[in-house]
């Protein structure tokens, strides 16, 4: 994994982020946003995820 953000298609870049449980991951964000905003987006995705093993509906 590169240390610097990686430019992708259509103005997006891959960012290494920290989720609320302390784990790390990679998300795609709009190119140029600050790291704290990328971490906030990761927290939002984390909060909105469905519970494991429960049916969607």
Protein backbone atom coordinates (compact mmCIF):
# COMPACT_ATOMS: atom_id res chain seq x y z
CA UNK A 1 0.00 0.00 0.00
CA UNK A 2 1.48 3.36 -1.00
CA UNK A 3 2.01 5.93 1.76
CA UNK A 4 0.56 8.75 -0.37
CA UNK A 5 -3.00 8.91 -1.72
CA UNK A 6 -3.32 7.14 -5.07
CA UNK A 7 -5.10 8.97 -7.87
CA UNK A 8 -7.84 6.96 -9.51
CA UNK A 9 -10.39 7.54 -12.21
CA UNK A 10 -12.65 10.57 -12.45
CA UNK A 11 -11.07 12.61 -9.66
CA UNK A 12 -11.13 9.88 -7.01
CA UNK A 13 -8.28 8.60 -4.87
CA UNK A 14 -7.79 5.63 -2.56
CA UNK A 15 -7.19 6.58 1.08
CA UNK A 16 -6.08 4.58 4.05
CA UNK A 17 -8.55 5.35 6.87
CA UNK A 18 -9.16 4.37 10.47
CA UNK A 19 -12.60 3.02 11.40
CA UNK A 20 -14.23 3.69 14.82
CA UNK A 21 -13.24 0.23 16.13
CA UNK A 22 -9.57 1.01 15.45
CA UNK A 23 -9.27 -1.16 12.35
CA UNK A 24 -7.85 0.29 9.17
CA UNK A 25 -9.16 0.11 5.63
CA UNK A 26 -9.11 1.65 2.18
CA UNK A 27 -11.92 3.80 0.77
CA UNK A 28 -12.31 5.85 -2.40
CA UNK A 29 -12.86 9.57 -1.84
CA UNK A 30 -12.95 12.71 -3.95
CA UNK A 31 -9.39 13.71 -4.84
CA UNK A 32 -7.93 16.42 -2.63
CA UNK A 33 -10.12 16.14 0.47
CA UNK A 34 -8.26 16.37 3.79
CA UNK A 35 -7.45 13.16 5.67
CA UNK A 36 -9.73 14.08 8.58
CA UNK A 37 -12.67 14.28 6.13
CA UNK A 38 -11.73 10.86 4.70
CA UNK A 39 -11.70 9.43 8.25
CA UNK A 40 -15.11 11.07 8.92
CA UNK A 41 -16.51 9.45 5.76
CA UNK A 42 -15.16 6.09 6.92
CA UNK A 43 -16.91 6.58 10.29
CA UNK A 44 -20.16 7.39 8.46
CA UNK A 45 -19.90 4.23 6.33
CA UNK A 46 -19.15 2.25 9.50
CA UNK A 47 -22.22 3.66 11.29
CA UNK A 48 -24.53 2.94 8.33
CA UNK A 49 -23.41 -0.65 7.70
CA UNK A 50 -25.96 -3.42 8.31
CA UNK A 51 -25.44 -5.77 11.23
CA UNK A 52 -23.71 -9.01 10.25
CA UNK A 53 -25.99 -11.99 9.83
CA UNK A 54 -29.25 -10.04 9.79
CA UNK A 55 -31.46 -10.02 6.70
CA UNK A 56 -31.76 -6.75 4.81
CA UNK A 57 -35.16 -5.21 4.73
